[in-house]
Amino acid sequence: MPTMDYSKLCGRIREVGLNQKLVAKHVGISESHFCLKLAGKYVFKQTEIQKICELLRISADEIGTYFFTPKVEKTQQIDCQEKHI
């Protein structure tokens, strides 16, 4: 399974004025476990995604953007850019 890119989720957390510790507490997990999930070591459970979306006001049609966007390696990004030149 590819590693997911949670950079947009992290940006949304900051955008609404929260931090990872507060989000983790709302979800019911430790801050360290939340950080491991953001690092791709563990996957988010459906119930956790639901709680995060409620807290951060992420609509159902945006869930894929925040939770299911695969991380692209830098070499892949460069290859894609070169093809568009």
Foldseek 3Di string as FASTA:
>chain_A
DFAAAQPVVQVLCVVVPHHLQVLCVQLPHHSVVSVCCNVRVDDDDPSSLVSSCVVSVPDPVCSCVRHPHGDDDPVRVVVVVVVVD
